[in-house]
């Protein structure tokens, strides 16, 4: 068994754990208030799996539940990140909620970041 194979076996959660994490991520998304943003890392932490920003991002990217505010999840440091082939749509949705987006980043990101409370 090669090193890459061993690592994937060790790091891959069980289906039940992955499903639970998916449920938690979607629950976090449902709670993000209008006018606020969170990072993929924030979502992972709020879903009780700190350090799993990429996994949270994959869940957000694959989810297709209508009405969830996917646009409110952004990359680290206030960068927009994500949203497939439609980054301008994400910027427009965020601007409609009062965010100022400049050069692909949320202006005054720290003040706009939601802490989950």
C-alpha atoms as a PDB file:
ATOM      1  CA  UNK A   1       0.000   0.000   0.000  1.00  0.00           C
ATOM      2  CA  UNK A   2       1.502   3.310  -1.106  1.00  0.00           C
ATOM      3  CA  UNK A   3       1.774   6.387   1.031  1.00  0.00           C
ATOM      4  CA  UNK A   4      -1.075   8.203  -0.756  1.00  0.00           C
ATOM      5  CA  UNK A   5      -3.368   5.220  -0.341  1.00  0.00           C
ATOM      6  CA  UNK A   6      -2.530   4.900   3.352  1.00  0.00           C
ATOM      7  CA  UNK A   7      -3.209   8.576   3.930  1.00  0.00           C
ATOM      8  CA  UNK A   8      -6.621   8.470   2.220  1.00  0.00           C
ATOM      9  CA  UNK A   9      -7.626   5.452   4.274  1.00  0.00           C
ATOM     10  CA  UNK A  10      -6.620   7.180   7.492  1.00  0.00           C
ATOM     11  CA  UNK A  11      -8.154  10.586   6.704  1.00  0.00           C
ATOM     12  CA  UNK A  12     -11.411   9.531   5.043  1.00  0.00           C
ATOM     13  CA  UNK A  13     -14.341   9.670   7.479  1.00  0.00           C
ATOM     14  CA  UNK A  14     -16.940   6.944   7.540  1.00  0.00           C
ATOM     15  CA  UNK A  15     -20.096   7.498   5.475  1.00  0.00           C
ATOM     16  CA  UNK A  16     -22.095   8.081   8.639  1.00  0.00           C
ATOM     17  CA  UNK A  17     -19.594  10.695   9.840  1.00  0.00           C
ATOM     18  CA  UNK A  18     -19.510  12.336   6.412  1.00  0.00           C
ATOM     19  CA  UNK A  19     -23.306  12.459   6.329  1.00  0.00           C
ATOM     20  CA  UNK A  20     -23.391  13.992   9.792  1.00  0.00           C
ATOM     21  CA  UNK A  21     -20.812  16.590   8.770  1.00  0.00           C
ATOM     22  CA  UNK A  22     -22.875  17.382   5.655  1.00  0.00           C
ATOM     23  CA  UNK A  23     -25.968  17.879   7.801  1.00  0.00           C
ATOM     24  CA  UNK A  24     -24.049  20.188  10.123  1.00  0.00           C
ATOM     25  CA  UNK A  25     -22.600  22.223   7.232  1.00  0.00           C
ATOM     26  CA  UNK A  26     -26.045  22.722   5.706  1.00  0.00           C
ATOM     27  CA  UNK A  27     -27.426  23.667   9.129  1.00  0.00           C
ATOM     28  CA  UNK A  28     -24.728  26.349   9.453  1.00  0.00           C
ATOM     29  CA  UNK A  29     -25.600  27.682   5.991  1.00  0.00           C
ATOM     30  CA  UNK A  30     -29.259  28.000   6.941  1.00  0.00           C
ATOM     31  CA  UNK A  31     -28.307  30.185   9.907  1.00  0.00           C
ATOM     32  CA  UNK A  32     -26.044  32.750   8.177  1.00  0.00           C
ATOM     33  CA  UNK A  33     -27.900  36.063   8.405  1.00  0.00           C
ATOM     34  CA  UNK A  34     -28.317  38.431   5.487  1.00  0.00           C
ATOM     35  CA  UNK A  35     -25.545  41.016   5.396  1.00  0.00           C
ATOM     36  CA  UNK A  36     -23.011  38.693   7.022  1.00  0.00           C
ATOM     37  CA  UNK A  37     -20.422  36.286   5.596  1.00  0.00           C
ATOM     38  CA  UNK A  38     -18.410  33.320   6.837  1.00  0.00           C
ATOM     39  CA  UNK A  39     -15.366  31.556   5.458  1.00  0.00           C
ATOM     40  CA  UNK A  40     -15.288  27.910   4.483  1.00  0.00           C
ATOM     41  CA  UNK A  41     -13.061  27.443   7.540  1.00  0.00           C
ATOM     42  CA  UNK A  42     -15.650  29.117   9.761  1.00  0.00           C
ATOM     43  CA  UNK A  43     -18.323  26.786   8.403  1.00  0.00           C
ATOM     44  CA  UNK A  44     -16.128  23.748   9.120  1.00  0.00           C
ATOM     45  CA  UNK A  45     -15.433  24.952  12.658  1.00  0.00           C
ATOM     46  CA  UNK A  46     -19.111  25.704  13.349  1.00  0.00           C
ATOM     47  CA  UNK A  47     -19.923  22.235  11.974  1.00  0.00           C
ATOM     48  CA  UNK A  48     -17.558  20.797  14.612  1.00  0.00           C
ATOM     49  CA  UNK A  49     -14.727  19.815  12.278  1.00  0.00           C
ATOM     50  CA  UNK A  50     -12.048  22.518  12.586  1.00  0.00           C
ATOM     51  CA  UNK A  51      -9.496  22.387   9.799  1.00  0.00           C
ATOM     52  CA  UNK A  52     -11.922  20.871   7.282  1.00  0.00           C
ATOM     53  CA  UNK A  53     -12.420  24.000   5.171  1.00  0.00           C
ATOM     54  CA  UNK A  54     -11.900  22.122   1.911  1.00  0.00           C
ATOM     55  CA  UNK A  55     -14.420  19.456   2.866  1.00  0.00           C
ATOM     56  CA  UNK A  56     -16.917  22.152   3.843  1.00  0.00           C
ATOM     57  CA  UNK A  57     -16.272  23.868   0.509  1.00  0.00           C
ATOM     58  CA  UNK A  58     -16.938  20.661  -1.386  1.00  0.00           C
ATOM     59  CA  UNK A  59     -20.215  20.187   0.460  1.00  0.00           C
ATOM     60  CA  UNK A  60     -21.264  23.770  -0.244  1.00  0.00           C
ATOM     61  CA  UNK A  61     -20.240  23.412  -3.890  1.00  0.00           C
ATOM     62  CA  UNK A  62     -22.212  20.202  -4.401  1.00  0.00           C
ATOM     63  CA  UNK A  63     -25.291  21.101  -2.370  1.00  0.00           C
ATOM     64  CA  UNK A  64     -28.406  21.871  -4.334  1.00  0.00           C
ATOM     65  CA  UNK A  65     -30.929  22.716  -1.645  1.00  0.00           C
ATOM     66  CA  UNK A  66     -32.989  25.674  -2.865  1.00  0.00           C
ATOM     67  CA  UNK A  67     -32.962  28.833  -0.807  1.00  0.00           C
ATOM     68  CA  UNK A  68     -29.653  28.347   1.005  1.00  0.00           C
ATOM     69  CA  UNK A  69     -27.391  31.418   1.037  1.00  0.00           C
ATOM     70  CA  UNK A  70     -24.401  29.754  -0.623  1.00  0.00           C
ATOM     71  CA  UNK A  71     -23.103  33.177  -1.688  1.00  0.00           C
ATOM     72  CA  UNK A  72     -22.472  34.125   1.950  1.00  0.00           C
ATOM     73  CA  UNK A  73     -19.654  31.575   2.253  1.00  0.00           C
ATOM     74  CA  UNK A  74     -16.372  33.045   1.109  1.00  0.00           C
ATOM     75  CA  UNK A  75     -12.698  32.146   1.051  1.00  0.00           C
ATOM     76  CA  UNK A  76     -10.171  33.039   3.735  1.00  0.00           C
ATOM     77  CA  UNK A  77      -9.192  36.659   4.175  1.00  0.00           C
ATOM     78  CA  UNK A  78     -12.405  37.982   2.683  1.00  0.00           C
ATOM     79  CA  UNK A  79     -11.749  36.710  -0.864  1.00  0.00           C
ATOM     80  CA  UNK A  80     -14.933  35.730  -2.683  1.00  0.00           C
ATOM     81  CA  UNK A  81     -13.793  32.279  -3.839  1.00  0.00           C
ATOM     82  CA  UNK A  82     -16.181  29.603  -5.055  1.00  0.00           C
ATOM     83  CA  UNK A  83     -19.464  29.924  -6.986  1.00  0.00           C
ATOM     84  CA  UNK A  84     -18.412  27.939 -10.011  1.00  0.00           C
ATOM     85  CA  UNK A  85     -18.334  29.870 -13.248  1.00  0.00           C
ATOM     86  CA  UNK A  86     -20.316  32.776 -11.812  1.00  0.00           C
ATOM     87  CA  UNK A  87     -18.093  34.869  -9.525  1.00  0.00           C
ATOM     88  CA  UNK A  88     -19.808  38.064 -10.708  1.00  0.00           C
ATOM     89  CA  UNK A  89     -23.177  36.657  -9.635  1.00  0.00           C
ATOM     90  CA  UNK A  90     -21.760  35.985  -6.161  1.00  0.00           C
ATOM     91  CA  UNK A  91     -20.398  39.553  -6.005  1.00  0.00           C
ATOM     92  CA  UNK A  92     -23.783  40.914  -7.106  1.00  0.00           C
ATOM     93  CA  UNK A  93     -25.708  38.898  -4.518  1.00  0.00           C
ATOM     94  CA  UNK A  94     -23.355  40.067  -1.771  1.00  0.00           C
ATOM     95  CA  UNK A  95     -23.600  43.690  -2.963  1.00  0.00           C
ATOM     96  CA  UNK A  96     -27.405  43.413  -2.829  1.00  0.00           C
ATOM     97  CA  UNK A  97     -27.020  42.539   0.861  1.00  0.00           C
ATOM     98  CA  UNK A  98     -24.929  45.644   1.528  1.00  0.00           C
ATOM     99  CA  UNK A  99     -21.410  44.304   1.087  1.00  0.00           C
ATOM    100  CA  UNK A 100     -18.838  46.265  -0.849  1.00  0.00           C
ATOM    101  CA  UNK A 101     -16.770  44.012  -3.081  1.00  0.00           C
ATOM    102  CA  UNK A 102     -13.521  45.414  -4.420  1.00  0.00           C
ATOM    103  CA  UNK A 103     -10.962  43.417  -6.422  1.00  0.00           C
ATOM    104  CA  UNK A 104     -12.582  40.130  -5.461  1.00  0.00           C
ATOM    105  CA  UNK A 105     -12.671  40.813  -1.712  1.00  0.00           C
ATOM    106  CA  UNK A 106     -15.222  41.922   0.859  1.00  0.00           C
ATOM    107  CA  UNK A 107     -14.322  45.408   2.054  1.00  0.00           C
ATOM    108  CA  UNK A 108     -14.214  45.599   5.864  1.00  0.00           C
ATOM    109  CA  UNK A 109     -14.351  41.815   6.033  1.00  0.00           C
ATOM    110  CA  UNK A 110     -13.717  41.566   9.793  1.00  0.00           C
ATOM    111  CA  UNK A 111     -16.794  43.677  10.582  1.00  0.00           C
ATOM    112  CA  UNK A 112     -18.974  41.673   8.162  1.00  0.00           C
ATOM    113  CA  UNK A 113     -17.875  38.246   9.373  1.00  0.00           C
ATOM    114  CA  UNK A 114     -20.499  36.269  11.267  1.00  0.00           C
ATOM    115  CA  UNK A 115     -19.331  34.444  14.388  1.00  0.00           C
ATOM    116  CA  UNK A 116     -22.203  31.971  14.544  1.00  0.00           C
ATOM    117  CA  UNK A 117     -24.050  33.608  17.403  1.00  0.00           C
END
